[in-house]
């Protein structure tokens, strides 16, 4: 943490090789960050299941994962949580939930 603030480091995973992602996990952990996040949403791709698995395998125990981008369904959301994400960044989830509510009636 930065004092009483949460430190979240955003990694543009779509622009990095697997080795670079692993190195970023090490650097983020070593820096004492609270979160590592998969993307800003402004590049060519968002979170992937493979990236969340990779992060979970290579971050330290005090670093949490925020999956952002590419979460378009409740199944996507559940998959990312099951793989180790603590937070999800998606503008679609409210639409998804409202659609499910309508379909349930």
C-alpha atoms as a PDB file:
ATOM      1  CA  UNK A   1       0.000   0.000   0.000  1.00  0.00           C
ATOM      2  CA  UNK A   2       0.949   3.619  -0.418  1.00  0.00           C
ATOM      3  CA  UNK A   3       0.257   4.809   3.069  1.00  0.00           C
ATOM      4  CA  UNK A   4      -3.461   4.150   3.482  1.00  0.00           C
ATOM      5  CA  UNK A   5      -4.023   4.027  -0.298  1.00  0.00           C
ATOM      6  CA  UNK A   6      -4.263   0.895  -2.439  1.00  0.00           C
ATOM      7  CA  UNK A   7      -1.586   0.451  -5.084  1.00  0.00           C
ATOM      8  CA  UNK A   8      -2.834  -1.178  -8.295  1.00  0.00           C
ATOM      9  CA  UNK A   9      -0.344  -1.775 -11.115  1.00  0.00           C
ATOM     10  CA  UNK A  10      -1.844  -2.116 -14.585  1.00  0.00           C
ATOM     11  CA  UNK A  11      -0.087  -4.424 -17.037  1.00  0.00           C
ATOM     12  CA  UNK A  12      -1.025  -4.408 -20.734  1.00  0.00           C
ATOM     13  CA  UNK A  13      -0.903  -8.177 -20.976  1.00  0.00           C
ATOM     14  CA  UNK A  14      -1.864  -8.184 -24.660  1.00  0.00           C
ATOM     15  CA  UNK A  15       1.430  -6.446 -25.466  1.00  0.00           C
ATOM     16  CA  UNK A  16       3.721  -8.709 -23.435  1.00  0.00           C
ATOM     17  CA  UNK A  17       5.274 -12.131 -23.898  1.00  0.00           C
ATOM     18  CA  UNK A  18       4.762 -14.818 -21.269  1.00  0.00           C
ATOM     19  CA  UNK A  19       8.269 -14.216 -19.891  1.00  0.00           C
ATOM     20  CA  UNK A  20       7.585 -10.476 -19.649  1.00  0.00           C
ATOM     21  CA  UNK A  21       4.315 -11.128 -17.806  1.00  0.00           C
ATOM     22  CA  UNK A  22       6.119 -13.363 -15.318  1.00  0.00           C
ATOM     23  CA  UNK A  23       8.778 -10.681 -14.791  1.00  0.00           C
ATOM     24  CA  UNK A  24       6.036  -8.106 -14.201  1.00  0.00           C
ATOM     25  CA  UNK A  25       4.478 -10.382 -11.574  1.00  0.00           C
ATOM     26  CA  UNK A  26       7.839 -10.508  -9.813  1.00  0.00           C
ATOM     27  CA  UNK A  27       8.303  -6.720 -10.023  1.00  0.00           C
ATOM     28  CA  UNK A  28       4.767  -5.940  -8.840  1.00  0.00           C
ATOM     29  CA  UNK A  29       5.155  -8.352  -5.934  1.00  0.00           C
ATOM     30  CA  UNK A  30       8.573  -6.939  -5.029  1.00  0.00           C
ATOM     31  CA  UNK A  31       7.231  -3.391  -5.125  1.00  0.00           C
ATOM     32  CA  UNK A  32       4.598  -4.269  -2.525  1.00  0.00           C
ATOM     33  CA  UNK A  33       1.612  -3.534  -4.751  1.00  0.00           C
ATOM     34  CA  UNK A  34      -1.832  -4.590  -3.608  1.00  0.00           C
ATOM     35  CA  UNK A  35      -3.159  -5.482  -7.066  1.00  0.00           C
ATOM     36  CA  UNK A  36      -1.955  -6.436 -10.516  1.00  0.00           C
ATOM     37  CA  UNK A  37      -4.468  -5.620 -13.276  1.00  0.00           C
ATOM     38  CA  UNK A  38      -4.564  -7.188 -16.743  1.00  0.00           C
ATOM     39  CA  UNK A  39      -5.209  -4.127 -18.897  1.00  0.00           C
ATOM     40  CA  UNK A  40      -6.336  -0.521 -19.162  1.00  0.00           C
ATOM     41  CA  UNK A  41      -8.951  -1.340 -21.775  1.00  0.00           C
ATOM     42  CA  UNK A  42      -7.331   0.995 -24.301  1.00  0.00           C
ATOM     43  CA  UNK A  43      -5.115  -1.488 -26.138  1.00  0.00           C
ATOM     44  CA  UNK A  44      -5.771  -4.510 -28.330  1.00  0.00           C
ATOM     45  CA  UNK A  45      -7.058  -6.956 -25.716  1.00  0.00           C
ATOM     46  CA  UNK A  46      -8.219  -7.527 -22.177  1.00  0.00           C
ATOM     47  CA  UNK A  47      -8.064 -10.281 -19.627  1.00  0.00           C
ATOM     48  CA  UNK A  48      -7.649 -13.866 -20.731  1.00  0.00           C
ATOM     49  CA  UNK A  49      -8.061 -16.992 -18.685  1.00  0.00           C
ATOM     50  CA  UNK A  50      -4.449 -17.884 -19.456  1.00  0.00           C
ATOM     51  CA  UNK A  51      -3.205 -14.555 -18.084  1.00  0.00           C
ATOM     52  CA  UNK A  52      -5.151 -14.947 -14.847  1.00  0.00           C
ATOM     53  CA  UNK A  53      -3.727 -18.473 -14.407  1.00  0.00           C
ATOM     54  CA  UNK A  54      -0.226 -17.133 -15.094  1.00  0.00           C
ATOM     55  CA  UNK A  55      -0.618 -14.244 -12.638  1.00  0.00           C
ATOM     56  CA  UNK A  56      -1.984 -16.548  -9.941  1.00  0.00           C
ATOM     57  CA  UNK A  57       1.039 -18.818 -10.332  1.00  0.00           C
ATOM     58  CA  UNK A  58       3.618 -16.014 -10.191  1.00  0.00           C
ATOM     59  CA  UNK A  59       2.433 -13.255  -7.857  1.00  0.00           C
ATOM     60  CA  UNK A  60       3.220 -13.136  -4.176  1.00  0.00           C
ATOM     61  CA  UNK A  61       0.638 -14.020  -1.515  1.00  0.00           C
ATOM     62  CA  UNK A  62      -0.171 -10.384  -0.746  1.00  0.00           C
ATOM     63  CA  UNK A  63      -0.954  -9.374  -4.335  1.00  0.00           C
ATOM     64  CA  UNK A  64      -4.499  -9.676  -5.637  1.00  0.00           C
ATOM     65  CA  UNK A  65      -5.568  -9.899  -9.274  1.00  0.00           C
ATOM     66  CA  UNK A  66      -7.968  -7.608 -11.086  1.00  0.00           C
ATOM     67  CA  UNK A  67      -9.165  -8.997 -14.421  1.00  0.00           C
ATOM     68  CA  UNK A  68     -10.297  -6.261 -16.782  1.00  0.00           C
ATOM     69  CA  UNK A  69     -11.536  -6.276 -20.336  1.00  0.00           C
ATOM     70  CA  UNK A  70     -13.121  -9.132 -22.242  1.00  0.00           C
ATOM     71  CA  UNK A  71     -15.598 -10.078 -19.513  1.00  0.00           C
ATOM     72  CA  UNK A  72     -18.829 -10.356 -21.485  1.00  0.00           C
ATOM     73  CA  UNK A  73     -20.863 -12.992 -19.639  1.00  0.00           C
ATOM     74  CA  UNK A  74     -21.573 -14.334 -16.172  1.00  0.00           C
ATOM     75  CA  UNK A  75     -19.587 -17.431 -17.153  1.00  0.00           C
ATOM     76  CA  UNK A  76     -16.582 -15.242 -18.030  1.00  0.00           C
ATOM     77  CA  UNK A  77     -16.892 -13.511 -14.662  1.00  0.00           C
ATOM     78  CA  UNK A  78     -17.145 -16.807 -12.786  1.00  0.00           C
ATOM     79  CA  UNK A  79     -14.210 -18.284 -14.705  1.00  0.00           C
ATOM     80  CA  UNK A  80     -11.950 -15.338 -13.843  1.00  0.00           C
ATOM     81  CA  UNK A  81     -12.919 -15.506 -10.177  1.00  0.00           C
ATOM     82  CA  UNK A  82     -12.373 -19.276 -10.112  1.00  0.00           C
ATOM     83  CA  UNK A  83      -8.919 -18.796 -11.659  1.00  0.00           C
ATOM     84  CA  UNK A  84      -7.857 -16.334  -8.953  1.00  0.00           C
ATOM     85  CA  UNK A  85      -9.154 -12.862  -9.758  1.00  0.00           C
ATOM     86  CA  UNK A  86     -10.277 -10.895  -6.708  1.00  0.00           C
ATOM     87  CA  UNK A  87     -11.829  -8.067  -8.694  1.00  0.00           C
ATOM     88  CA  UNK A  88     -13.368  -7.711 -12.114  1.00  0.00           C
ATOM     89  CA  UNK A  89     -13.323  -4.657 -14.326  1.00  0.00           C
ATOM     90  CA  UNK A  90     -16.181  -4.745 -16.781  1.00  0.00           C
ATOM     91  CA  UNK A  91     -18.710  -2.307 -18.138  1.00  0.00           C
ATOM     92  CA  UNK A  92     -20.835  -5.212 -19.402  1.00  0.00           C
ATOM     93  CA  UNK A  93     -21.770  -7.003 -16.195  1.00  0.00           C
ATOM     94  CA  UNK A  94     -24.717  -4.729 -15.331  1.00  0.00           C
ATOM     95  CA  UNK A  95     -26.166  -5.297 -18.815  1.00  0.00           C
ATOM     96  CA  UNK A  96     -25.571  -9.034 -18.470  1.00  0.00           C
ATOM     97  CA  UNK A  97     -27.309  -9.172 -15.085  1.00  0.00           C
ATOM     98  CA  UNK A  98     -30.271  -7.108 -16.295  1.00  0.00           C
ATOM     99  CA  UNK A  99     -30.661  -9.398 -19.309  1.00  0.00           C
ATOM    100  CA  UNK A 100     -30.607 -12.455 -17.037  1.00  0.00           C
ATOM    101  CA  UNK A 101     -33.275 -10.899 -14.793  1.00  0.00           C
ATOM    102  CA  UNK A 102     -35.510 -10.334 -17.816  1.00  0.00           C
ATOM    103  CA  UNK A 103     -34.952 -13.887 -19.089  1.00  0.00           C
ATOM    104  CA  UNK A 104     -35.785 -15.380 -15.673  1.00  0.00           C
ATOM    105  CA  UNK A 105     -39.366 -14.006 -15.730  1.00  0.00           C
END
